[in-house]
Structures are given as structure tokens and as C-alpha cells.
Amino acid sequence: MHKGLMVVGAIAVAGASAAVGWYGVKWLVSSDGEPAPGTSAVEASTVSLSYDLDAIESQAAGLFEPPPAATRGPAMPQRPTA
């Protein structure tokens, strides 16, 4: 019973905290007459981006392959079997 009440209390505190934060932010935003600096729409040109997947794959070839066994570190010792 004690753990159940603690869980219910924790959920109630988390819900109250979230509600205060949510409505507090909404109140702060609505109380401002004008938007904060940097939040207005910016008139700027955009650049469309494209890429050549074959060129990227050819540059990345071999990056994710393990090194040959000769260049790896020493092998882990095996457990003795009885």
C-alpha cells in the first residue's frame, strides 16, 4: 500500500509540474505584446541541396570493414576446458 501511494503521489507531482510548466510558458508567451527577437520570419534565400549517392559510397568504401587478422591485437586467451 505504501509503494502504491508513493507511485500515485509521484505521478500527481509530475503531472502538476508539467501543467504548471505548460501553462506558465503559454502565459508568458501570451503576455508578451511582440515576439521575442529572432523568432520572426527571416527573409533569406535558400539553396537546394543534392548529392550523388554513388560518389559518397565510393568515398566511404572500406571505412566500415574490420582490419585483417594480422593487424589486430593479440587474441583473447581461451578458458581452459576441464
PDB file of N, CA and C in Angstrom:
ATOM      1  N   MET A   1       0.828  -1.191   0.000  1.00  0.00           N
ATOM      2  CA  MET A   1       0.000   0.000   0.000  1.00  0.00           C
ATOM      3  C   MET A   1       0.870   1.250   0.000  1.00  0.00           C
ATOM      4  N   HIS A   2       1.956   1.204   0.755  1.00  0.00           N
ATOM      5  CA  HIS A   2       2.829   2.371   0.855  1.00  0.00           C
ATOM      6  C   HIS A   2       3.461   2.703  -0.504  1.00  0.00           C
ATOM      7  N   LYS A   3       3.930   1.661  -1.231  1.00  0.00           N
ATOM      8  CA  LYS A   3       4.535   1.899  -2.551  1.00  0.00           C
ATOM      9  C   LYS A   3       3.493   2.416  -3.534  1.00  0.00           C
ATOM     10  N   GLY A   4       2.283   1.913  -3.461  1.00  0.00           N
ATOM     11  CA  GLY A   4       1.216   2.374  -4.342  1.00  0.00           C
ATOM     12  C   GLY A   4       0.918   3.847  -4.151  1.00  0.00           C
ATOM     13  N   LEU A   5       0.866   4.281  -2.894  1.00  0.00           N
ATOM     14  CA  LEU A   5       0.625   5.699  -2.621  1.00  0.00           C
ATOM     15  C   LEU A   5       1.789   6.558  -3.106  1.00  0.00           C
ATOM     16  N   MET A   6       2.997   6.038  -2.981  1.00  0.00           N
ATOM     17  CA  MET A   6       4.160   6.794  -3.465  1.00  0.00           C
ATOM     18  C   MET A   6       4.116   6.943  -4.985  1.00  0.00           C
ATOM     19  N   VAL A   7       3.696   5.890  -5.681  1.00  0.00           N
ATOM     20  CA  VAL A   7       3.592   5.947  -7.138  1.00  0.00           C
ATOM     21  C   VAL A   7       2.529   6.953  -7.543  1.00  0.00           C
ATOM     22  N   VAL A   8       1.372   6.891  -6.892  1.00  0.00           N
ATOM     23  CA  VAL A   8       0.299   7.833  -7.204  1.00  0.00           C
ATOM     24  C   VAL A   8       0.749   9.261  -6.906  1.00  0.00           C
ATOM     25  N   GLY A   9       1.423   9.465  -5.796  1.00  0.00           N
ATOM     26  CA  GLY A   9       1.920  10.797  -5.453  1.00  0.00           C
ATOM     27  C   GLY A   9       2.949  11.295  -6.451  1.00  0.00           C
ATOM     28  N   ALA A  10       3.845  10.412  -6.878  1.00  0.00           N
ATOM     29  CA  ALA A  10       4.864  10.804  -7.855  1.00  0.00           C
ATOM     30  C   ALA A  10       4.231  11.189  -9.179  1.00  0.00           C
ATOM     31  N   ILE A  11       3.216  10.437  -9.603  1.00  0.00           N
ATOM     32  CA  ILE A  11       2.530  10.761 -10.852  1.00  0.00           C
ATOM     33  C   ILE A  11       1.790  12.091 -10.719  1.00  0.00           C
ATOM     34  N   ALA A  12       1.175  12.320  -9.560  1.00  0.00           N
ATOM     35  CA  ALA A  12       0.460  13.577  -9.341  1.00  0.00           C
ATOM     36  C   ALA A  12       1.419  14.755  -9.355  1.00  0.00           C
ATOM     37  N   VAL A  13       2.568  14.617  -8.710  1.00  0.00           N
ATOM     38  CA  VAL A  13       3.557  15.702  -8.695  1.00  0.00           C
ATOM     39  C   VAL A  13       4.097  15.945 -10.103  1.00  0.00           C
ATOM     40  N   ALA A  14       4.374  14.884 -10.861  1.00  0.00           N
ATOM     41  CA  ALA A  14       4.879  15.046 -12.228  1.00  0.00           C
ATOM     42  C   ALA A  14       3.830  15.714 -13.103  1.00  0.00           C
ATOM     43  N   GLY A  15       2.571  15.313 -12.963  1.00  0.00           N
ATOM     44  CA  GLY A  15       1.502  15.936 -13.751  1.00  0.00           C
ATOM     45  C   GLY A  15       1.317  17.395 -13.396  1.00  0.00           C
ATOM     46  N   ALA A  16       1.343  17.717 -12.105  1.00  0.00           N
ATOM     47  CA  ALA A  16       1.205  19.108 -11.681  1.00  0.00           C
ATOM     48  C   ALA A  16       2.372  19.943 -12.178  1.00  0.00           C
ATOM     49  N   SER A  17       3.567  19.392 -12.116  1.00  0.00           N
ATOM     50  CA  SER A  17       4.748  20.113 -12.592  1.00  0.00           C
ATOM     51  C   SER A  17       4.660  20.377 -14.087  1.00  0.00           C
ATOM     52  N   ALA A  18       4.220  19.379 -14.839  1.00  0.00           N
ATOM     53  CA  ALA A  18       4.083  19.553 -16.283  1.00  0.00           C
ATOM     54  C   ALA A  18       3.013  20.589 -16.598  1.00  0.00           C
ATOM     55  N   ALA A  19       1.907  20.565 -15.858  1.00  0.00           N
ATOM     56  CA  ALA A  19       0.836  21.533 -16.103  1.00  0.00           C
ATOM     57  C   ALA A  19       1.297  22.952 -15.786  1.00  0.00           C
ATOM     58  N   VAL A  20       1.996  23.119 -14.678  1.00  0.00           N
ATOM     59  CA  VAL A  20       2.500  24.451 -14.327  1.00  0.00           C
ATOM     60  C   VAL A  20       3.477  24.939 -15.378  1.00  0.00           C
ATOM     61  N   GLY A  21       4.360  24.074 -15.835  1.00  0.00           N
ATOM     62  CA  GLY A  21       5.307  24.466 -16.872  1.00  0.00           C
ATOM     63  C   GLY A  21       4.615  24.806 -18.177  1.00  0.00           C
ATOM     64  N   TRP A  22       3.657  23.985 -18.587  1.00  0.00           N
ATOM     65  CA  TRP A  22       2.948  24.213 -19.850  1.00  0.00           C
ATOM     66  C   TRP A  22       2.171  25.521 -19.811  1.00  0.00           C
ATOM     67  N   TYR A  23       1.343  25.683 -18.782  1.00  0.00           N
ATOM     68  CA  TYR A  23       0.518  26.885 -18.713  1.00  0.00           C
ATOM     69  C   TYR A  23       1.349  28.115 -18.366  1.00  0.00           C
ATOM     70  N   GLY A  24       2.440  27.927 -17.652  1.00  0.00           N
ATOM     71  CA  GLY A  24       3.324  29.060 -17.361  1.00  0.00           C
ATOM     72  C   GLY A  24       3.962  29.594 -18.629  1.00  0.00           C
ATOM     73  N   VAL A  25       4.413  28.715 -19.489  1.00  0.00           N
ATOM     74  CA  VAL A  25       5.018  29.144 -20.752  1.00  0.00           C
ATOM     75  C   VAL A  25       3.967  29.791 -21.639  1.00  0.00           C
ATOM     76  N   LYS A  26       2.776  29.207 -21.699  1.00  0.00           N
ATOM     77  CA  LYS A  26       1.705  29.806 -22.503  1.00  0.00           C
ATOM     78  C   LYS A  26       1.355  31.201 -21.987  1.00  0.00           C
ATOM     79  N   TRP A  27       1.338  31.372 -20.668  1.00  0.00           N
ATOM     80  CA  TRP A  27       1.034  32.673 -20.086  1.00  0.00           C
ATOM     81  C   TRP A  27       2.134  33.682 -20.412  1.00  0.00           C
ATOM     82  N   LEU A  28       3.388  33.257 -20.300  1.00  0.00           N
ATOM     83  CA  LEU A  28       4.496  34.164 -20.606  1.00  0.00           C
ATOM     84  C   LEU A  28       4.486  34.582 -22.067  1.00  0.00           C
ATOM     85  N   VAL A  29       4.210  33.647 -22.948  1.00  0.00           N
ATOM     86  CA  VAL A  29       4.204  33.953 -24.369  1.00  0.00           C
ATOM     87  C   VAL A  29       3.029  34.861 -24.715  1.00  0.00           C
ATOM     88  N   SER A  30       1.869  34.611 -24.123  1.00  0.00           N
ATOM     89  CA  SER A  30       0.703  35.429 -24.439  1.00  0.00           C
ATOM     90  C   SER A  30       0.800  36.808 -23.809  1.00  0.00           C
ATOM     91  N   SER A  31       1.546  36.958 -22.712  1.00  0.00           N
ATOM     92  CA  SER A  31       1.644  38.263 -22.067  1.00  0.00           C
ATOM     93  C   SER A  31       2.602  39.191 -22.813  1.00  0.00           C
ATOM     94  N   ASP A  32       3.478  38.644 -23.617  1.00  0.00           N
ATOM     95  CA  ASP A  32       4.366  39.479 -24.421  1.00  0.00           C
ATOM     96  C   ASP A  32       3.570  40.070 -25.577  1.00  0.00           C
ATOM     97  N   GLY A  33       3.691  41.366 -25.766  1.00  0.00           N
ATOM     98  CA  GLY A  33       2.961  42.009 -26.843  1.00  0.00           C
ATOM     99  C   GLY A  33       3.571  41.708 -28.196  1.00  0.00           C
ATOM    100  N   GLU A  34       4.865  41.622 -28.268  1.00  0.00           N
ATOM    101  CA  GLU A  34       5.552  41.379 -29.534  1.00  0.00           C
ATOM    102  C   GLU A  34       6.424  40.134 -29.409  1.00  0.00           C
ATOM    103  N   PRO A  35       6.704  39.490 -30.509  1.00  0.00           N
ATOM    104  CA  PRO A  35       7.518  38.275 -30.433  1.00  0.00           C
ATOM    105  C   PRO A  35       8.953  38.582 -29.994  1.00  0.00           C
ATOM    106  N   ALA A  36       9.570  37.592 -29.423  1.00  0.00           N
ATOM    107  CA  ALA A  36      10.954  37.738 -28.979  1.00  0.00           C
ATOM    108  C   ALA A  36      11.863  37.932 -30.188  1.00  0.00           C
ATOM    109  N   PRO A  37      13.007  38.599 -29.990  1.00  0.00           N
ATOM    110  CA  PRO A  37      13.923  38.798 -31.117  1.00  0.00           C
ATOM    111  C   PRO A  37      14.395  37.465 -31.677  1.00  0.00           C
ATOM    112  N   GLY A  38      14.445  37.397 -32.978  1.00  0.00           N
ATOM    113  CA  GLY A  38      14.935  36.199 -33.627  1.00  0.00           C
ATOM    114  C   GLY A  38      13.859  35.164 -33.899  1.00  0.00           C
ATOM    115  N   THR A  39      12.611  35.432 -33.507  1.00  0.00           N
ATOM    116  CA  THR A  39      11.553  34.456 -33.741  1.00  0.00           C
ATOM    117  C   THR A  39      10.670  34.829 -34.920  1.00  0.00           C
ATOM    118  N   SER A  40      10.903  36.002 -35.497  1.00  0.00           N
ATOM    119  CA  SER A  40      10.088  36.390 -36.642  1.00  0.00           C
ATOM    120  C   SER A  40      10.619  35.714 -37.903  1.00  0.00           C
ATOM    121  N   ALA A  41       9.785  35.705 -38.918  1.00  0.00           N
ATOM    122  CA  ALA A  41      10.192  35.081 -40.178  1.00  0.00           C
ATOM    123  C   ALA A  41      11.352  35.860 -40.792  1.00  0.00           C
ATOM    124  N   VAL A  42      12.319  35.153 -41.285  1.00  0.00           N
ATOM    125  CA  VAL A  42      13.512  35.774 -41.853  1.00  0.00           C
ATOM    126  C   VAL A  42      13.415  35.683 -43.373  1.00  0.00           C
ATOM    127  N   GLU A  43      13.628  36.801 -44.009  1.00  0.00           N
ATOM    128  CA  GLU A  43      13.654  36.808 -45.468  1.00  0.00           C
ATOM    129  C   GLU A  43      15.078  36.468 -45.911  1.00  0.00           C
ATOM    130  N   ALA A  44      15.249  35.270 -46.407  1.00  0.00           N
ATOM    131  CA  ALA A  44      16.568  34.836 -46.850  1.00  0.00           C
ATOM    132  C   ALA A  44      16.405  33.883 -48.019  1.00  0.00           C
ATOM    133  N   SER A  45      17.420  33.833 -48.832  1.00  0.00           N
ATOM    134  CA  SER A  45      17.362  32.908 -49.955  1.00  0.00           C
ATOM    135  C   SER A  45      17.743  31.515 -49.471  1.00  0.00           C
ATOM    136  N   THR A  46      17.204  30.528 -50.122  1.00  0.00           N
ATOM    137  CA  THR A  46      17.522  29.149 -49.779  1.00  0.00           C
ATOM    138  C   THR A  46      18.274  28.506 -50.931  1.00  0.00           C
ATOM    139  N   VAL A  47      19.017  27.494 -50.608  1.00  0.00           N
ATOM    140  CA  VAL A  47      19.796  26.760 -51.596  1.00  0.00           C
ATOM    141  C   VAL A  47      19.335  25.316 -51.555  1.00  0.00           C
ATOM    142  N   SER A  48      18.951  24.791 -52.686  1.00  0.00           N
ATOM    143  CA  SER A  48      18.550  23.386 -52.712  1.00  0.00           C
ATOM    144  C   SER A  48      19.812  22.526 -52.685  1.00  0.00           C
ATOM    145  N   LEU A  49      19.772  21.502 -51.876  1.00  0.00           N
ATOM    146  CA  LEU A  49      20.919  20.615 -51.725  1.00  0.00           C
ATOM    147  C   LEU A  49      20.630  19.292 -52.420  1.00  0.00           C
ATOM    148  N   SER A  50      21.615  18.768 -53.075  1.00  0.00           N
ATOM    149  CA  SER A  50      21.514  17.445 -53.675  1.00  0.00           C
ATOM    150  C   SER A  50      22.870  16.774 -53.547  1.00  0.00           C
ATOM    151  N   TYR A  51      22.886  15.480 -53.651  1.00  0.00           N
ATOM    152  CA  TYR A  51      24.139  14.749 -53.534  1.00  0.00           C
ATOM    153  C   TYR A  51      24.119  13.550 -54.467  1.00  0.00           C
ATOM    154  N   ASP A  52      25.304  13.093 -54.770  1.00  0.00           N
ATOM    155  CA  ASP A  52      25.465  11.930 -55.637  1.00  0.00           C
ATOM    156  C   ASP A  52      25.788  10.735 -54.749  1.00  0.00           C
ATOM    157  N   LEU A  53      24.826   9.846 -54.579  1.00  0.00           N
ATOM    158  CA  LEU A  53      24.992   8.716 -53.680  1.00  0.00           C
ATOM    159  C   LEU A  53      26.137   7.801 -54.104  1.00  0.00           C
ATOM    160  N   ASP A  54      26.338   7.612 -55.394  1.00  0.00           N
ATOM    161  CA  ASP A  54      27.435   6.755 -55.856  1.00  0.00           C
ATOM    162  C   ASP A  54      28.790   7.335 -55.466  1.00  0.00           C
ATOM    163  N   ALA A  55      28.933   8.661 -55.559  1.00  0.00           N
ATOM    164  CA  ALA A  55      30.201   9.290 -55.186  1.00  0.00           C
ATOM    165  C   ALA A  55      30.459   9.153 -53.689  1.00  0.00           C
ATOM    166  N   ILE A  56      29.412   9.291 -52.897  1.00  0.00           N
ATOM    167  CA  ILE A  56      29.574   9.162 -51.443  1.00  0.00           C
ATOM    168  C   ILE A  56      29.932   7.734 -51.076  1.00  0.00           C
ATOM    169  N   GLU A  57      29.256   6.771 -51.679  1.00  0.00           N
ATOM    170  CA  GLU A  57      29.562   5.375 -51.374  1.00  0.00           C
ATOM    171  C   GLU A  57      30.970   4.991 -51.810  1.00  0.00           C
ATOM    172  N   SER A  58      31.433   5.528 -52.922  1.00  0.00           N
ATOM    173  CA  SER A  58      32.787   5.193 -53.360  1.00  0.00           C
ATOM    174  C   SER A  58      33.827   5.818 -52.424  1.00  0.00           C
ATOM    175  N   GLN A  59      33.554   6.992 -51.877  1.00  0.00           N
ATOM    176  CA  GLN A  59      34.490   7.604 -50.928  1.00  0.00           C
ATOM    177  C   GLN A  59      34.487   6.867 -49.591  1.00  0.00           C
ATOM    178  N   ALA A  60      33.346   6.272 -49.230  1.00  0.00           N
ATOM    179  CA  ALA A  60      33.241   5.587 -47.946  1.00  0.00           C
ATOM    180  C   ALA A  60      33.586   4.111 -48.043  1.00  0.00           C
ATOM    181  N   ALA A  61      33.972   3.639 -49.193  1.00  0.00           N
ATOM    182  CA  ALA A  61      34.277   2.216 -49.359  1.00  0.00           C
ATOM    183  C   ALA A  61      35.432   1.819 -48.444  1.00  0.00           C
ATOM    184  N   GLY A  62      35.247   0.771 -47.697  1.00  0.00           N
ATOM    185  CA  GLY A  62      36.294   0.258 -46.832  1.00  0.00           C
ATOM    186  C   GLY A  62      36.354   0.892 -45.460  1.00  0.00           C
ATOM    187  N   LEU A  63      35.532   1.884 -45.188  1.00  0.00           N
ATOM    188  CA  LEU A  63      35.590   2.524 -43.876  1.00  0.00           C
ATOM    189  C   LEU A  63      35.047   1.635 -42.770  1.00  0.00           C
ATOM    190  N   PHE A  64      34.098   0.785 -43.095  1.00  0.00           N
ATOM    191  CA  PHE A  64      33.442   0.006 -42.064  1.00  0.00           C
ATOM    192  C   PHE A  64      33.803  -1.467 -42.111  1.00  0.00           C
ATOM    193  N   GLU A  65      34.898  -1.785 -42.718  1.00  0.00           N
ATOM    194  CA  GLU A  65      35.354  -3.169 -42.752  1.00  0.00           C
ATOM    195  C   GLU A  65      36.408  -3.365 -41.665  1.00  0.00           C
ATOM    196  N   PRO A  66      36.366  -4.500 -40.976  1.00  0.00           N
ATOM    197  CA  PRO A  66      37.367  -4.730 -39.938  1.00  0.00           C
ATOM    198  C   PRO A  66      38.747  -4.929 -40.567  1.00  0.00           C
ATOM    199  N   PRO A  67      39.784  -4.591 -39.846  1.00  0.00           N
ATOM    200  CA  PRO A  67      41.127  -4.783 -40.384  1.00  0.00           C
ATOM    201  C   PRO A  67      41.448  -6.267 -40.509  1.00  0.00           C
ATOM    202  N   PRO A  68      42.432  -6.604 -41.327  1.00  0.00           N
ATOM    203  CA  PRO A  68      42.820  -8.018 -41.447  1.00  0.00           C
ATOM    204  C   PRO A  68      43.286  -8.565 -40.098  1.00  0.00           C
ATOM    205  N   ALA A  69      43.220  -9.868 -39.964  1.00  0.00           N
ATOM    206  CA  ALA A  69      43.565 -10.512 -38.687  1.00  0.00           C
ATOM    207  C   ALA A  69      45.008 -10.236 -38.279  1.00  0.00           C
ATOM    208  N   ALA A  70      45.910 -10.038 -39.222  1.00  0.00           N
ATOM    209  CA  ALA A  70      47.324  -9.824 -38.893  1.00  0.00           C
ATOM    210  C   ALA A  70      47.534  -8.494 -38.186  1.00  0.00           C
ATOM    211  N   THR A  71      46.685  -7.500 -38.431  1.00  0.00           N
ATOM    212  CA  THR A  71      46.894  -6.193 -37.803  1.00  0.00           C
ATOM    213  C   THR A  71      46.080  -6.021 -36.541  1.00  0.00           C
ATOM    214  N   ARG A  72      45.269  -7.004 -36.193  1.00  0.00           N
ATOM    215  CA  ARG A  72      44.504  -6.918 -34.953  1.00  0.00           C
ATOM    216  C   ARG A  72      45.420  -7.189 -33.776  1.00  0.00           C
ATOM    217  N   GLY A  73      44.928  -6.840 -32.618  1.00  0.00           N
ATOM    218  CA  GLY A  73      45.676  -7.098 -31.391  1.00  0.00           C
ATOM    219  C   GLY A  73      45.735  -8.580 -31.088  1.00  0.00           C
ATOM    220  N   PRO A  74      46.400  -8.945 -30.000  1.00  0.00           N
ATOM    221  CA  PRO A  74      46.502 -10.370 -29.646  1.00  0.00           C
ATOM    222  C   PRO A  74      45.122 -10.937 -29.330  1.00  0.00           C
ATOM    223  N   ALA A  75      44.977 -12.204 -29.618  1.00  0.00           N
ATOM    224  CA  ALA A  75      43.701 -12.892 -29.375  1.00  0.00           C
ATOM    225  C   ALA A  75      43.487 -13.019 -27.873  1.00  0.00           C
ATOM    226  N   MET A  76      42.226 -13.020 -27.500  1.00  0.00           N
ATOM    227  CA  MET A  76      41.881 -13.185 -26.091  1.00  0.00           C
ATOM    228  C   MET A  76      42.178 -14.627 -25.688  1.00  0.00           C
ATOM    229  N   PRO A  77      42.742 -14.829 -24.500  1.00  0.00           N
ATOM    230  CA  PRO A  77      43.025 -16.212 -24.066  1.00  0.00           C
ATOM    231  C   PRO A  77      41.708 -16.960 -23.848  1.00  0.00           C
ATOM    232  N   GLN A  78      41.737 -18.219 -24.191  1.00  0.00           N
ATOM    233  CA  GLN A  78      40.552 -19.065 -24.043  1.00  0.00           C
ATOM    234  C   GLN A  78      40.540 -19.680 -22.643  1.00  0.00           C
ATOM    235  N   ARG A  79      39.345 -19.910 -22.131  1.00  0.00           N
ATOM    236  CA  ARG A  79      39.228 -20.557 -20.830  1.00  0.00           C
ATOM    237  C   ARG A  79      39.617 -22.020 -20.967  1.00  0.00           C
ATOM    238  N   PRO A  80      40.321 -22.500 -20.004  1.00  0.00           N
ATOM    239  CA  PRO A  80      40.663 -23.929 -20.064  1.00  0.00           C
ATOM    240  C   PRO A  80      39.390 -24.760 -19.858  1.00  0.00           C
ATOM    241  N   THR A  81      39.289 -25.806 -20.667  1.00  0.00           N
ATOM    242  CA  THR A  81      38.137 -26.699 -20.510  1.00  0.00           C
ATOM    243  C   THR A  81      38.569 -27.918 -19.718  1.00  0.00           C
ATOM    244  N   ALA A  82      37.721 -28.323 -18.845  1.00  0.00           N
ATOM    245  CA  ALA A  82      38.065 -29.462 -17.968  1.00  0.00           C
ATOM    246  C   ALA A  82      37.600 -30.762 -18.539  1.00  0.00           C
TER     247      ALA A  82
END
